Amino acid sequence: MKYFKSQMKQLVKDNKELQQSLKELINEHELEKNFALKALYHSEVADGGKYQAAYQALDSPKG
């Protein structure tokens, strides 16, 4: 599975829990938003993470 910033932004936009996690990452680790998004991807989405299915659904063509 590949990281796409646009998909990750959409996933966070649609999920309050991820929005909070992103804010915490930015504040606690003094990260820029793009780096925090990538960190969140690796911790919560990639390799069977809690939000992997939701992330992959964003890649599906809309019918």
Protein backbone atom coordinates (compact mmCIF):
# COMPACT_ATOMS: atom_id res chain seq x y z
CA MET A 1 0.00 0.00 0.00
CA LYS A 2 1.31 3.41 -0.97
CA TYR A 3 1.08 6.69 0.93
CA PHE A 4 -0.87 9.45 -0.81
CA LYS A 5 -1.03 12.79 0.95
CA SER A 6 -4.40 13.68 -0.60
CA GLN A 7 -5.99 10.43 0.60
CA MET A 8 -4.52 10.83 4.06
CA LYS A 9 -5.82 14.39 4.29
CA GLN A 10 -9.29 13.20 3.29
CA LEU A 11 -9.19 10.36 5.83
CA VAL A 12 -8.26 12.78 8.62
CA LYS A 13 -10.89 15.28 7.49
CA ASP A 14 -13.57 12.57 7.76
CA ASN A 15 -12.49 11.28 11.19
CA LYS A 16 -12.51 13.27 14.45
CA GLU A 17 -10.25 10.76 16.23
CA LEU A 18 -7.58 11.09 13.54
CA GLN A 19 -7.90 14.89 13.63
CA GLN A 20 -7.12 14.81 17.35
CA SER A 21 -4.20 12.40 16.84
CA LEU A 22 -2.77 14.66 14.14
CA LYS A 23 -2.97 17.73 16.40
CA GLU A 24 -1.25 15.80 19.20
CA LEU A 25 1.55 14.66 16.90
CA ILE A 26 2.13 18.20 15.65
CA ASN A 27 2.17 19.67 19.16
CA GLU A 28 4.06 16.94 21.04
CA HIS A 29 6.77 16.40 18.45
CA GLU A 30 6.81 19.87 16.89
CA LEU A 31 6.24 18.40 13.43
CA GLU A 32 5.11 20.13 10.28
CA LYS A 33 1.66 18.99 9.20
CA ASN A 34 2.97 16.99 6.21
CA PHE A 35 5.40 15.04 8.39
CA ALA A 36 2.73 14.47 11.02
CA LEU A 37 0.35 13.14 8.35
CA LYS A 38 2.97 10.67 7.19
CA ALA A 39 3.70 9.58 10.76
CA LEU A 40 -0.02 9.11 11.38
CA TYR A 41 -0.26 7.05 8.19
CA HIS A 42 2.49 4.71 9.37
CA SER A 43 1.07 4.37 12.88
CA GLU A 44 -2.67 4.11 12.15
CA VAL A 45 -3.09 3.02 8.50
CA ALA A 46 -0.17 1.05 7.06
CA ASP A 47 0.43 -2.65 7.70
CA GLY A 48 -3.01 -3.56 8.95
CA GLY A 49 -3.60 -0.43 11.01
CA LYS A 50 -6.96 0.51 12.47
CA TYR A 51 -7.82 2.79 9.53
CA GLN A 52 -6.36 0.76 6.66
CA ALA A 53 -9.74 -0.26 5.21
CA ALA A 54 -11.06 3.31 5.33
CA TYR A 55 -7.89 4.58 3.63
CA GLN A 56 -8.11 1.94 0.90
CA ALA A 57 -11.80 2.76 0.35
CA LEU A 58 -10.77 6.32 -0.58
CA ASP A 59 -8.79 4.83 -3.49
CA SER A 60 -11.82 2.96 -4.86
CA PRO A 61 -13.61 4.51 -7.82
CA LYS A 62 -16.86 6.12 -6.78
CA GLY A 63 -19.91 4.62 -8.46
